[in-house]
Amino acid sequence: MKFRFGSQSGQPVPPLEQSLQEIQASLAQQQKRWAELLAQDPAAFAQLEPQIHLTFQQLADRCAAGLLAHAAAQPACDQAAKKK
């Protein structure tokens, strides 16, 4: 079974290890941007906080998709699907 983000024509969900590495890299990059923004304008925090929450929600969605794709590739999942 193949998993994709968004739709059948969306980007494929990468293997779990790759997915977690991409999430970590993305978060590190975002954190750097947020820190730079706040260093330039501390008052921007009120506008930045909702963006931080949205970013973490999106990263959590990517993590969940990676875990689901990983679990679906396991023999136990295949066997359970055959029983239905």
N, C-alpha and C. Protein backbone atom coordinates (compact mmCIF):
# COMPACT_ATOMS: atom_id res chain seq x y z
N MET A 1 0.84 -1.16 0.00
CA MET A 1 0.00 0.00 0.00
C MET A 1 0.90 1.24 0.00
N LYS A 2 0.55 2.21 -0.83
CA LYS A 2 1.33 3.44 -0.90
C LYS A 2 0.55 4.57 -0.23
N PHE A 3 1.28 5.38 0.53
CA PHE A 3 0.68 6.52 1.21
C PHE A 3 1.24 7.80 0.61
N ARG A 4 0.33 8.77 0.43
CA ARG A 4 0.72 10.06 -0.12
C ARG A 4 0.10 11.16 0.72
N PHE A 5 0.75 12.33 0.69
CA PHE A 5 0.23 13.49 1.40
C PHE A 5 -0.84 14.16 0.56
N GLY A 6 -1.98 14.42 1.16
CA GLY A 6 -3.02 15.23 0.53
C GLY A 6 -3.96 14.51 -0.39
N SER A 7 -3.44 13.76 -1.35
CA SER A 7 -4.29 13.09 -2.33
C SER A 7 -3.50 11.99 -3.02
N GLN A 8 -4.16 11.27 -3.92
CA GLN A 8 -3.49 10.19 -4.64
C GLN A 8 -2.35 10.69 -5.50
N SER A 9 -2.40 11.94 -5.88
CA SER A 9 -1.32 12.51 -6.70
C SER A 9 -0.33 13.32 -5.86
N GLY A 10 -0.51 13.30 -4.54
CA GLY A 10 0.37 14.05 -3.65
C GLY A 10 1.74 13.41 -3.51
N GLN A 11 2.58 14.10 -2.78
CA GLN A 11 3.95 13.64 -2.54
C GLN A 11 3.90 12.35 -1.71
N PRO A 12 4.71 11.35 -2.08
CA PRO A 12 4.72 10.09 -1.31
C PRO A 12 5.24 10.32 0.12
N VAL A 13 4.66 9.59 1.05
CA VAL A 13 5.15 9.63 2.43
C VAL A 13 6.46 8.86 2.46
N PRO A 14 7.53 9.51 2.93
CA PRO A 14 8.84 8.83 2.94
C PRO A 14 8.89 7.75 4.03
N PRO A 15 9.88 6.88 3.96
CA PRO A 15 10.07 5.89 5.03
C PRO A 15 10.19 6.59 6.38
N LEU A 16 9.84 5.88 7.45
CA LEU A 16 9.76 6.48 8.78
C LEU A 16 11.04 7.20 9.18
N GLU A 17 12.18 6.56 9.04
CA GLU A 17 13.45 7.19 9.45
C GLU A 17 13.70 8.48 8.66
N GLN A 18 13.46 8.44 7.37
CA GLN A 18 13.65 9.63 6.53
C GLN A 18 12.65 10.72 6.93
N SER A 19 11.43 10.31 7.20
CA SER A 19 10.40 11.27 7.61
C SER A 19 10.80 12.00 8.89
N LEU A 20 11.30 11.25 9.87
CA LEU A 20 11.70 11.87 11.13
C LEU A 20 12.91 12.78 10.93
N GLN A 21 13.82 12.41 10.06
CA GLN A 21 14.97 13.27 9.77
C GLN A 21 14.53 14.57 9.09
N GLU A 22 13.58 14.46 8.18
CA GLU A 22 13.08 15.65 7.49
C GLU A 22 12.34 16.57 8.46
N ILE A 23 11.59 15.98 9.39
CA ILE A 23 10.89 16.77 10.39
C ILE A 23 11.89 17.51 11.27
N GLN A 24 12.92 16.81 11.70
CA GLN A 24 13.95 17.42 12.54
C GLN A 24 14.66 18.55 11.81
N ALA A 25 15.01 18.34 10.56
CA ALA A 25 15.69 19.38 9.78
C ALA A 25 14.78 20.59 9.57
N SER A 26 13.53 20.34 9.27
CA SER A 26 12.58 21.42 9.06
C SER A 26 12.39 22.24 10.34
N LEU A 27 12.29 21.55 11.46
CA LEU A 27 12.11 22.25 12.73
C LEU A 27 13.34 23.08 13.07
N ALA A 28 14.51 22.55 12.85
CA ALA A 28 15.74 23.30 13.12
C ALA A 28 15.80 24.57 12.27
N GLN A 29 15.41 24.44 11.01
CA GLN A 29 15.42 25.60 10.10
C GLN A 29 14.40 26.65 10.55
N GLN A 30 13.21 26.18 10.91
CA GLN A 30 12.18 27.11 11.37
C GLN A 30 12.59 27.80 12.66
N GLN A 31 13.17 27.05 13.58
CA GLN A 31 13.58 27.62 14.86
C GLN A 31 14.60 28.74 14.64
N LYS A 32 15.51 28.53 13.70
CA LYS A 32 16.50 29.56 13.39
C LYS A 32 15.81 30.82 12.87
N ARG A 33 14.84 30.66 11.97
CA ARG A 33 14.11 31.81 11.43
C ARG A 33 13.35 32.55 12.53
N TRP A 34 12.69 31.78 13.40
CA TRP A 34 11.93 32.40 14.48
C TRP A 34 12.85 33.19 15.41
N ALA A 35 13.98 32.61 15.74
CA ALA A 35 14.93 33.29 16.63
C ALA A 35 15.45 34.57 15.99
N GLU A 36 15.75 34.52 14.70
CA GLU A 36 16.23 35.72 14.00
C GLU A 36 15.16 36.81 13.99
N LEU A 37 13.93 36.41 13.73
CA LEU A 37 12.83 37.37 13.71
C LEU A 37 12.66 38.03 15.07
N LEU A 38 12.68 37.22 16.12
CA LEU A 38 12.51 37.77 17.46
C LEU A 38 13.70 38.64 17.89
N ALA A 39 14.88 38.30 17.42
CA ALA A 39 16.05 39.11 17.74
C ALA A 39 15.92 40.50 17.11
N GLN A 40 15.32 40.56 15.93
CA GLN A 40 15.13 41.84 15.24
C GLN A 40 13.95 42.63 15.80
N ASP A 41 12.90 41.88 16.20
CA ASP A 41 11.68 42.54 16.67
C ASP A 41 10.99 41.67 17.73
N PRO A 42 11.34 41.85 18.99
CA PRO A 42 10.72 41.04 20.05
C PRO A 42 9.20 41.17 20.11
N ALA A 43 8.68 42.29 19.66
CA ALA A 43 7.23 42.49 19.68
C ALA A 43 6.51 41.60 18.67
N ALA A 44 7.25 40.99 17.77
CA ALA A 44 6.64 40.11 16.76
C ALA A 44 6.17 38.78 17.34
N PHE A 45 6.48 38.54 18.61
CA PHE A 45 6.13 37.26 19.21
C PHE A 45 4.62 36.98 19.14
N ALA A 46 3.82 37.99 19.35
CA ALA A 46 2.36 37.80 19.32
C ALA A 46 1.89 37.28 17.97
N GLN A 47 2.53 37.71 16.90
CA GLN A 47 2.17 37.23 15.56
C GLN A 47 2.86 35.91 15.24
N LEU A 48 3.99 35.69 15.87
CA LEU A 48 4.77 34.49 15.59
C LEU A 48 4.22 33.24 16.28
N GLU A 49 3.66 33.43 17.46
CA GLU A 49 3.20 32.27 18.24
C GLU A 49 2.19 31.40 17.47
N PRO A 50 1.17 31.96 16.82
CA PRO A 50 0.25 31.10 16.06
C PRO A 50 0.97 30.35 14.92
N GLN A 51 1.97 30.98 14.32
CA GLN A 51 2.74 30.30 13.27
C GLN A 51 3.50 29.11 13.83
N ILE A 52 4.02 29.27 15.04
CA ILE A 52 4.74 28.16 15.70
C ILE A 52 3.80 27.00 15.94
N HIS A 53 2.61 27.29 16.45
CA HIS A 53 1.63 26.23 16.70
C HIS A 53 1.23 25.53 15.40
N LEU A 54 1.02 26.29 14.35
CA LEU A 54 0.66 25.71 13.06
C LEU A 54 1.78 24.82 12.52
N THR A 55 3.00 25.28 12.65
CA THR A 55 4.15 24.49 12.19
C THR A 55 4.22 23.16 12.92
N PHE A 56 4.07 23.19 14.24
CA PHE A 56 4.12 21.94 15.01
C PHE A 56 2.96 21.02 14.65
N GLN A 57 1.80 21.58 14.36
CA GLN A 57 0.66 20.76 13.95
C GLN A 57 0.96 20.07 12.62
N GLN A 58 1.53 20.81 11.68
CA GLN A 58 1.87 20.23 10.38
C GLN A 58 2.95 19.17 10.52
N LEU A 59 3.93 19.42 11.37
CA LEU A 59 4.98 18.41 11.59
C LEU A 59 4.41 17.18 12.27
N ALA A 60 3.47 17.36 13.18
CA ALA A 60 2.82 16.22 13.82
C ALA A 60 2.04 15.40 12.79
N ASP A 61 1.39 16.07 11.86
CA ASP A 61 0.67 15.37 10.79
C ASP A 61 1.62 14.54 9.94
N ARG A 62 2.78 15.09 9.63
CA ARG A 62 3.79 14.36 8.85
C ARG A 62 4.31 13.15 9.62
N CYS A 63 4.50 13.35 10.92
CA CYS A 63 4.97 12.24 11.75
C CYS A 63 3.92 11.13 11.79
N ALA A 64 2.67 11.50 11.99
CA ALA A 64 1.59 10.52 12.02
C ALA A 64 1.49 9.76 10.69
N ALA A 65 1.63 10.47 9.58
CA ALA A 65 1.58 9.82 8.27
C ALA A 65 2.74 8.83 8.11
N GLY A 66 3.92 9.23 8.56
CA GLY A 66 5.08 8.35 8.49
C GLY A 66 4.89 7.10 9.33
N LEU A 67 4.33 7.27 10.53
CA LEU A 67 4.08 6.12 11.40
C LEU A 67 3.03 5.19 10.80
N LEU A 68 1.98 5.77 10.22
CA LEU A 68 0.93 4.96 9.60
C LEU A 68 1.48 4.16 8.42
N ALA A 69 2.26 4.82 7.59
CA ALA A 69 2.85 4.14 6.43
C ALA A 69 3.79 3.02 6.90
N HIS A 70 4.55 3.29 7.95
CA HIS A 70 5.46 2.27 8.49
C HIS A 70 4.67 1.08 9.03
N ALA A 71 3.63 1.35 9.80
CA ALA A 71 2.82 0.28 10.38
C ALA A 71 2.14 -0.54 9.29
N ALA A 72 1.67 0.13 8.25
CA ALA A 72 0.96 -0.57 7.17
C ALA A 72 1.89 -1.50 6.40
N ALA A 73 3.18 -1.22 6.43
CA ALA A 73 4.15 -2.05 5.71
C ALA A 73 4.57 -3.29 6.51
N GLN A 74 4.14 -3.38 7.76
CA GLN A 74 4.53 -4.50 8.61
C GLN A 74 3.68 -5.73 8.31
N PRO A 75 4.24 -6.93 8.45
CA PRO A 75 3.50 -8.16 8.17
C PRO A 75 2.22 -8.30 8.99
N ALA A 76 2.22 -7.86 10.22
CA ALA A 76 1.01 -7.99 11.07
C ALA A 76 -0.16 -7.22 10.46
N CYS A 77 0.09 -6.07 9.89
CA CYS A 77 -0.98 -5.28 9.27
C CYS A 77 -1.51 -5.99 8.04
N ASP A 78 -0.61 -6.54 7.25
CA ASP A 78 -1.01 -7.27 6.05
C ASP A 78 -1.87 -8.47 6.41
N GLN A 79 -1.47 -9.18 7.46
CA GLN A 79 -2.22 -10.36 7.90
C GLN A 79 -3.60 -9.96 8.42
N ALA A 80 -3.67 -8.85 9.15
CA ALA A 80 -4.95 -8.37 9.68
C ALA A 80 -5.88 -7.98 8.55
N ALA A 81 -5.33 -7.37 7.49
CA ALA A 81 -6.15 -6.97 6.36
C ALA A 81 -6.69 -8.18 5.61
N LYS A 82 -5.94 -9.24 5.55
CA LYS A 82 -6.38 -10.45 4.88
C LYS A 82 -7.49 -11.16 5.63
N LYS A 83 -7.56 -10.97 6.94
CA LYS A 83 -8.58 -11.62 7.76
C LYS A 83 -9.96 -11.00 7.55
N LYS A 84 -10.00 -9.76 7.08
CA LYS A 84 -11.29 -9.08 6.91
C LYS A 84 -11.96 -9.43 5.63
